[in-house]
């Protein structure tokens, strides 16, 4: 009888821990949180950008730190970090909330500060050993199509030189031309010299 009562007391006094599943889809840049199989949260994230892709697979949360500084990336702050790989990949808060929903990190999974704090408290309450991180999908980086509007090129139209049947002098604003049988003479006005001459005669 005493054993039964003791067993009942142990059952009711033992805290019930929920299994936490963190599901991350790199294709949609979304994180879904499941607690005991029930979807509880759904948040936008930023996974690794091109050349810094976040690894895909199944991981178990290994450690956590409320305020972590990344020495690898110029002492960048990583608040509410939950680490899930030996290489140092973590889920953490970011100040670049405008980039959430797009790949933007160096391999970590970024969350909005309030969401990262909520997840951190959830994992801390339930334990690292019961928290699993599932990452799937692949980032898609579209190559920017470089299209340039064709430039209209202005081509100076070719004009045939004037042909004069009779010899004579044909003047223009820059000089004059004299045409004769088998002979052509061109003379261009020297505007600078003309101005100098005018100044000299004014003195």
C-alpha atoms as a PDB file:
ATOM      1  CA  UNK A   1       0.000   0.000   0.000  1.00  0.00           C
ATOM      2  CA  UNK A   2       2.801   2.368   0.908  1.00  0.00           C
ATOM      3  CA  UNK A   3       4.590   1.524  -2.355  1.00  0.00           C
ATOM      4  CA  UNK A   4       1.482   2.388  -4.369  1.00  0.00           C
ATOM      5  CA  UNK A   5       1.062   5.721  -2.598  1.00  0.00           C
ATOM      6  CA  UNK A   6       4.794   6.493  -3.064  1.00  0.00           C
ATOM      7  CA  UNK A   7       4.599   5.657  -6.765  1.00  0.00           C
ATOM      8  CA  UNK A   8       1.575   7.924  -7.179  1.00  0.00           C
ATOM      9  CA  UNK A   9       3.343  10.764  -5.404  1.00  0.00           C
ATOM     10  CA  UNK A  10       6.373  10.355  -7.668  1.00  0.00           C
ATOM     11  CA  UNK A  11       4.192  10.433 -10.773  1.00  0.00           C
ATOM     12  CA  UNK A  12       2.395  13.612  -9.774  1.00  0.00           C
ATOM     13  CA  UNK A  13       5.521  15.313  -8.482  1.00  0.00           C
ATOM     14  CA  UNK A  14       7.581  14.609 -11.643  1.00  0.00           C
ATOM     15  CA  UNK A  15       7.345  17.568 -14.055  1.00  0.00           C
ATOM     16  CA  UNK A  16       5.953  16.691 -17.511  1.00  0.00           C
ATOM     17  CA  UNK A  17       8.385  17.805 -20.247  1.00  0.00           C
ATOM     18  CA  UNK A  18       7.094  18.323 -23.775  1.00  0.00           C
ATOM     19  CA  UNK A  19       9.042  17.261 -26.836  1.00  0.00           C
ATOM     20  CA  UNK A  20       9.949  20.322 -28.890  1.00  0.00           C
ATOM     21  CA  UNK A  21      10.428  20.063 -32.656  1.00  0.00           C
ATOM     22  CA  UNK A  22      11.914  23.054 -34.481  1.00  0.00           C
ATOM     23  CA  UNK A  23      11.185  22.624 -38.166  1.00  0.00           C
ATOM     24  CA  UNK A  24      13.002  24.990 -40.545  1.00  0.00           C
ATOM     25  CA  UNK A  25      12.307  25.159 -44.283  1.00  0.00           C
ATOM     26  CA  UNK A  26      15.061  26.987 -46.167  1.00  0.00           C
ATOM     27  CA  UNK A  27      12.997  27.138 -49.335  1.00  0.00           C
ATOM     28  CA  UNK A  28      10.205  29.154 -47.710  1.00  0.00           C
ATOM     29  CA  UNK A  29      12.416  30.702 -44.998  1.00  0.00           C
ATOM     30  CA  UNK A  30       9.918  29.692 -42.330  1.00  0.00           C
ATOM     31  CA  UNK A  31      10.236  28.068 -38.904  1.00  0.00           C
ATOM     32  CA  UNK A  32       7.441  26.023 -37.366  1.00  0.00           C
ATOM     33  CA  UNK A  33       7.513  25.020 -33.682  1.00  0.00           C
ATOM     34  CA  UNK A  34       5.735  21.826 -32.601  1.00  0.00           C
ATOM     35  CA  UNK A  35       5.176  20.991 -28.939  1.00  0.00           C
ATOM     36  CA  UNK A  36       4.069  17.384 -28.393  1.00  0.00           C
ATOM     37  CA  UNK A  37       3.161  17.205 -32.077  1.00  0.00           C
ATOM     38  CA  UNK A  38       1.000  20.335 -32.014  1.00  0.00           C
ATOM     39  CA  UNK A  39       2.102  23.305 -34.085  1.00  0.00           C
ATOM     40  CA  UNK A  40       2.448  26.229 -31.696  1.00  0.00           C
ATOM     41  CA  UNK A  41       4.411  28.905 -33.557  1.00  0.00           C
ATOM     42  CA  UNK A  42       5.197  29.831 -37.145  1.00  0.00           C
ATOM     43  CA  UNK A  43       7.850  32.505 -37.770  1.00  0.00           C
ATOM     44  CA  UNK A  44       9.906  33.890 -40.667  1.00  0.00           C
ATOM     45  CA  UNK A  45      13.651  33.271 -40.493  1.00  0.00           C
ATOM     46  CA  UNK A  46      16.856  34.054 -42.330  1.00  0.00           C
ATOM     47  CA  UNK A  47      19.098  31.082 -43.054  1.00  0.00           C
ATOM     48  CA  UNK A  48      22.522  31.123 -44.690  1.00  0.00           C
ATOM     49  CA  UNK A  49      22.921  33.084 -47.856  1.00  0.00           C
ATOM     50  CA  UNK A  50      24.842  31.941 -50.935  1.00  0.00           C
ATOM     51  CA  UNK A  51      28.238  30.400 -50.042  1.00  0.00           C
ATOM     52  CA  UNK A  52      27.157  30.233 -46.356  1.00  0.00           C
ATOM     53  CA  UNK A  53      24.267  27.771 -46.650  1.00  0.00           C
ATOM     54  CA  UNK A  54      22.774  26.419 -43.424  1.00  0.00           C
ATOM     55  CA  UNK A  55      23.284  22.629 -43.226  1.00  0.00           C
ATOM     56  CA  UNK A  56      20.190  20.484 -43.741  1.00  0.00           C
ATOM     57  CA  UNK A  57      19.363  17.417 -41.642  1.00  0.00           C
ATOM     58  CA  UNK A  58      18.175  16.355 -38.206  1.00  0.00           C
ATOM     59  CA  UNK A  59      19.994  17.764 -35.171  1.00  0.00           C
ATOM     60  CA  UNK A  60      19.600  17.773 -31.415  1.00  0.00           C
ATOM     61  CA  UNK A  61      20.023  21.070 -29.581  1.00  0.00           C
ATOM     62  CA  UNK A  62      23.392  20.815 -27.834  1.00  0.00           C
ATOM     63  CA  UNK A  63      23.813  24.045 -25.861  1.00  0.00           C
ATOM     64  CA  UNK A  64      22.275  27.441 -25.348  1.00  0.00           C
ATOM     65  CA  UNK A  65      23.416  30.874 -24.244  1.00  0.00           C
ATOM     66  CA  UNK A  66      21.298  33.904 -23.489  1.00  0.00           C
ATOM     67  CA  UNK A  67      23.933  36.342 -24.761  1.00  0.00           C
ATOM     68  CA  UNK A  68      26.640  35.054 -27.076  1.00  0.00           C
ATOM     69  CA  UNK A  69      29.280  36.976 -29.005  1.00  0.00           C
ATOM     70  CA  UNK A  70      30.599  35.574 -32.284  1.00  0.00           C
ATOM     71  CA  UNK A  71      34.377  35.973 -32.430  1.00  0.00           C
ATOM     72  CA  UNK A  72      34.349  34.569 -35.957  1.00  0.00           C
ATOM     73  CA  UNK A  73      32.193  37.412 -37.294  1.00  0.00           C
ATOM     74  CA  UNK A  74      33.687  40.571 -35.732  1.00  0.00           C
ATOM     75  CA  UNK A  75      32.153  40.035 -32.277  1.00  0.00           C
ATOM     76  CA  UNK A  76      28.626  40.106 -33.658  1.00  0.00           C
ATOM     77  CA  UNK A  77      26.007  39.688 -30.906  1.00  0.00           C
ATOM     78  CA  UNK A  78      23.893  36.512 -30.977  1.00  0.00           C
ATOM     79  CA  UNK A  79      21.203  36.921 -28.282  1.00  0.00           C
ATOM     80  CA  UNK A  80      19.246  33.840 -27.146  1.00  0.00           C
ATOM     81  CA  UNK A  81      21.426  31.360 -29.038  1.00  0.00           C
ATOM     82  CA  UNK A  82      20.477  27.694 -29.327  1.00  0.00           C
ATOM     83  CA  UNK A  83      23.352  25.726 -30.863  1.00  0.00           C
ATOM     84  CA  UNK A  84      22.677  22.572 -32.862  1.00  0.00           C
ATOM     85  CA  UNK A  85      25.958  21.690 -34.689  1.00  0.00           C
ATOM     86  CA  UNK A  86      29.558  21.187 -33.642  1.00  0.00           C
ATOM     87  CA  UNK A  87      30.606  23.830 -36.157  1.00  0.00           C
ATOM     88  CA  UNK A  88      28.724  26.465 -34.194  1.00  0.00           C
ATOM     89  CA  UNK A  89      25.473  26.855 -36.144  1.00  0.00           C
ATOM     90  CA  UNK A  90      22.798  28.309 -33.917  1.00  0.00           C
ATOM     91  CA  UNK A  91      19.310  29.758 -33.834  1.00  0.00           C
ATOM     92  CA  UNK A  92      19.509  33.279 -32.457  1.00  0.00           C
ATOM     93  CA  UNK A  93      17.989  36.747 -32.533  1.00  0.00           C
ATOM     94  CA  UNK A  94      18.925  39.350 -35.117  1.00  0.00           C
ATOM     95  CA  UNK A  95      18.610  43.107 -35.403  1.00  0.00           C
ATOM     96  CA  UNK A  96      18.215  42.845 -39.187  1.00  0.00           C
ATOM     97  CA  UNK A  97      14.526  42.029 -39.004  1.00  0.00           C
ATOM     98  CA  UNK A  98      13.940  43.604 -42.423  1.00  0.00           C
ATOM     99  CA  UNK A  99      15.826  40.680 -43.996  1.00  0.00           C
ATOM    100  CA  UNK A 100      13.730  37.970 -42.357  1.00  0.00           C
ATOM    101  CA  UNK A 101      12.074  35.772 -44.960  1.00  0.00           C
ATOM    102  CA  UNK A 102      15.212  35.825 -47.111  1.00  0.00           C
ATOM    103  CA  UNK A 103      18.613  34.071 -46.863  1.00  0.00           C
ATOM    104  CA  UNK A 104      20.924  36.572 -45.176  1.00  0.00           C
ATOM    105  CA  UNK A 105      23.088  34.909 -42.509  1.00  0.00           C
ATOM    106  CA  UNK A 106      26.513  33.235 -42.492  1.00  0.00           C
ATOM    107  CA  UNK A 107      24.959  29.847 -41.735  1.00  0.00           C
ATOM    108  CA  UNK A 108      22.957  30.444 -38.558  1.00  0.00           C
ATOM    109  CA  UNK A 109      19.184  30.688 -38.357  1.00  0.00           C
ATOM    110  CA  UNK A 110      18.045  34.195 -37.485  1.00  0.00           C
ATOM    111  CA  UNK A 111      14.835  35.107 -35.708  1.00  0.00           C
ATOM    112  CA  UNK A 112      13.124  38.297 -34.633  1.00  0.00           C
ATOM    113  CA  UNK A 113      14.250  39.202 -31.074  1.00  0.00           C
ATOM    114  CA  UNK A 114      10.872  38.517 -29.446  1.00  0.00           C
ATOM    115  CA  UNK A 115      10.515  35.165 -31.237  1.00  0.00           C
ATOM    116  CA  UNK A 116      14.058  34.117 -30.351  1.00  0.00           C
ATOM    117  CA  UNK A 117      13.370  34.890 -26.688  1.00  0.00           C
ATOM    118  CA  UNK A 118      10.119  32.891 -26.767  1.00  0.00           C
ATOM    119  CA  UNK A 119      11.890  29.895 -28.313  1.00  0.00           C
ATOM    120  CA  UNK A 120      14.777  30.179 -25.858  1.00  0.00           C
ATOM    121  CA  UNK A 121      12.399  30.086 -22.873  1.00  0.00           C
ATOM    122  CA  UNK A 122      10.538  27.126 -24.382  1.00  0.00           C
ATOM    123  CA  UNK A 123      13.706  25.081 -24.902  1.00  0.00           C
ATOM    124  CA  UNK A 124      15.042  26.048 -21.482  1.00  0.00           C
ATOM    125  CA  UNK A 125      11.803  24.899 -19.823  1.00  0.00           C
ATOM    126  CA  UNK A 126      11.661  21.572 -21.671  1.00  0.00           C
ATOM    127  CA  UNK A 127      15.372  20.740 -21.891  1.00  0.00           C
ATOM    128  CA  UNK A 128      17.929  20.476 -24.669  1.00  0.00           C
ATOM    129  CA  UNK A 129      17.731  16.693 -24.796  1.00  0.00           C
ATOM    130  CA  UNK A 130      14.060  16.844 -25.796  1.00  0.00           C
ATOM    131  CA  UNK A 131      14.557  19.526 -28.455  1.00  0.00           C
ATOM    132  CA  UNK A 132      15.106  18.449 -32.058  1.00  0.00           C
ATOM    133  CA  UNK A 133      16.017  20.725 -34.972  1.00  0.00           C
ATOM    134  CA  UNK A 134      14.923  19.641 -38.450  1.00  0.00           C
ATOM    135  CA  UNK A 135      16.219  21.639 -41.417  1.00  0.00           C
ATOM    136  CA  UNK A 136      15.076  20.936 -44.968  1.00  0.00           C
ATOM    137  CA  UNK A 137      14.917  22.559 -48.361  1.00  0.00           C
ATOM    138  CA  UNK A 138      17.528  24.538 -50.224  1.00  0.00           C
ATOM    139  CA  UNK A 139      18.024  28.216 -50.820  1.00  0.00           C
ATOM    140  CA  UNK A 140      17.319  29.524 -54.290  1.00  0.00           C
ATOM    141  CA  UNK A 141      19.399  32.432 -55.492  1.00  0.00           C
ATOM    142  CA  UNK A 142      18.160  33.665 -58.834  1.00  0.00           C
ATOM    143  CA  UNK A 143      20.784  35.052 -61.165  1.00  0.00           C
ATOM    144  CA  UNK A 144      19.992  38.608 -61.998  1.00  0.00           C
ATOM    145  CA  UNK A 145      19.265  38.989 -65.670  1.00  0.00           C
ATOM    146  CA  UNK A 146      21.341  41.796 -67.019  1.00  0.00           C
ATOM    147  CA  UNK A 147      19.238  43.345 -69.725  1.00  0.00           C
ATOM    148  CA  UNK A 148      20.238  46.607 -71.292  1.00  0.00           C
ATOM    149  CA  UNK A 149      17.974  48.563 -73.543  1.00  0.00           C
ATOM    150  CA  UNK A 150      19.533  48.913 -76.983  1.00  0.00           C
ATOM    151  CA  UNK A 151      21.016  52.346 -77.426  1.00  0.00           C
ATOM    152  CA  UNK A 152      19.963  54.265 -80.485  1.00  0.00           C
ATOM    153  CA  UNK A 153      23.053  55.233 -82.416  1.00  0.00           C
ATOM    154  CA  UNK A 154      22.908  58.437 -84.382  1.00  0.00           C
ATOM    155  CA  UNK A 155      24.581  58.050 -87.730  1.00  0.00           C
ATOM    156  CA  UNK A 156      25.475  61.209 -89.565  1.00  0.00           C
ATOM    157  CA  UNK A 157      23.867  60.925 -92.972  1.00  0.00           C
ATOM    158  CA  UNK A 158      26.223  61.094 -95.900  1.00  0.00           C
ATOM    159  CA  UNK A 159      25.767  64.107 -98.068  1.00  0.00           C
ATOM    160  CA  UNK A 160      27.106  64.349-101.560  1.00  0.00           C
ATOM    161  CA  UNK A 161      29.377  67.357-102.082  1.00  0.00           C
ATOM    162  CA  UNK A 162      27.741  70.111-104.097  1.00  0.00           C
ATOM    163  CA  UNK A 163      28.415  70.089-107.795  1.00  0.00           C
ATOM    164  CA  UNK A 164      28.436  73.408-109.578  1.00  0.00           C
ATOM    165  CA  UNK A 165      28.116  73.506-113.324  1.00  0.00           C
ATOM    166  CA  UNK A 166      29.547  76.989-113.625  1.00  0.00           C
ATOM    167  CA  UNK A 167      32.624  78.439-111.954  1.00  0.00           C
ATOM    168  CA  UNK A 168      32.018  80.889-109.171  1.00  0.00           C
ATOM    169  CA  UNK A 169      32.478  81.740-105.528  1.00  0.00           C
ATOM    170  CA  UNK A 170      30.150  80.163-103.002  1.00  0.00           C
ATOM    171  CA  UNK A 171      30.462  81.657 -99.517  1.00  0.00           C
ATOM    172  CA  UNK A 172      29.299  80.334 -96.134  1.00  0.00           C
ATOM    173  CA  UNK A 173      29.474  81.404 -92.478  1.00  0.00           C
ATOM    174  CA  UNK A 174      32.958  79.908 -92.048  1.00  0.00           C
ATOM    175  CA  UNK A 175      34.566  80.841 -95.351  1.00  0.00           C
ATOM    176  CA  UNK A 176      34.091  80.520 -99.057  1.00  0.00           C
ATOM    177  CA  UNK A 177      34.814  78.089-101.864  1.00  0.00           C
ATOM    178  CA  UNK A 178      35.841  78.877-105.417  1.00  0.00           C
ATOM    179  CA  UNK A 179      35.011  76.395-108.130  1.00  0.00           C
ATOM    180  CA  UNK A 180      36.444  76.467-111.575  1.00  0.00           C
ATOM    181  CA  UNK A 181      36.952  73.956-114.377  1.00  0.00           C
ATOM    182  CA  UNK A 182      39.109  71.227-112.756  1.00  0.00           C
ATOM    183  CA  UNK A 183      39.976  73.491-109.871  1.00  0.00           C
ATOM    184  CA  UNK A 184      38.625  73.970-106.348  1.00  0.00           C
ATOM    185  CA  UNK A 185      39.863  76.368-103.691  1.00  0.00           C
ATOM    186  CA  UNK A 186      38.619  76.567-100.087  1.00  0.00           C
ATOM    187  CA  UNK A 187      39.264  79.349 -97.606  1.00  0.00           C
ATOM    188  CA  UNK A 188      38.283  79.234 -93.898  1.00  0.00           C
ATOM    189  CA  UNK A 189      37.868  82.367 -91.842  1.00  0.00           C
ATOM    190  CA  UNK A 190      40.189  82.768 -88.848  1.00  0.00           C
ATOM    191  CA  UNK A 191      37.770  84.091 -86.247  1.00  0.00           C
ATOM    192  CA  UNK A 192      40.450  84.528 -83.538  1.00  0.00           C
ATOM    193  CA  UNK A 193      42.681  86.502 -85.863  1.00  0.00           C
ATOM    194  CA  UNK A 194      39.745  88.613 -86.923  1.00  0.00           C
ATOM    195  CA  UNK A 195      38.979  89.499 -83.274  1.00  0.00           C
ATOM    196  CA  UNK A 196      42.638  90.344 -82.653  1.00  0.00           C
ATOM    197  CA  UNK A 197      42.670  92.657 -85.660  1.00  0.00           C
ATOM    198  CA  UNK A 198      39.553  94.414 -84.460  1.00  0.00           C
ATOM    199  CA  UNK A 199      41.067  95.015 -81.028  1.00  0.00           C
ATOM    200  CA  UNK A 200      44.254  96.383 -82.583  1.00  0.00           C
ATOM    201  CA  UNK A 201      42.387  98.870 -84.753  1.00  0.00           C
ATOM    202  CA  UNK A 202      40.323 100.040 -81.750  1.00  0.00           C
ATOM    203  CA  UNK A 203      43.440 101.145 -79.845  1.00  0.00           C
END
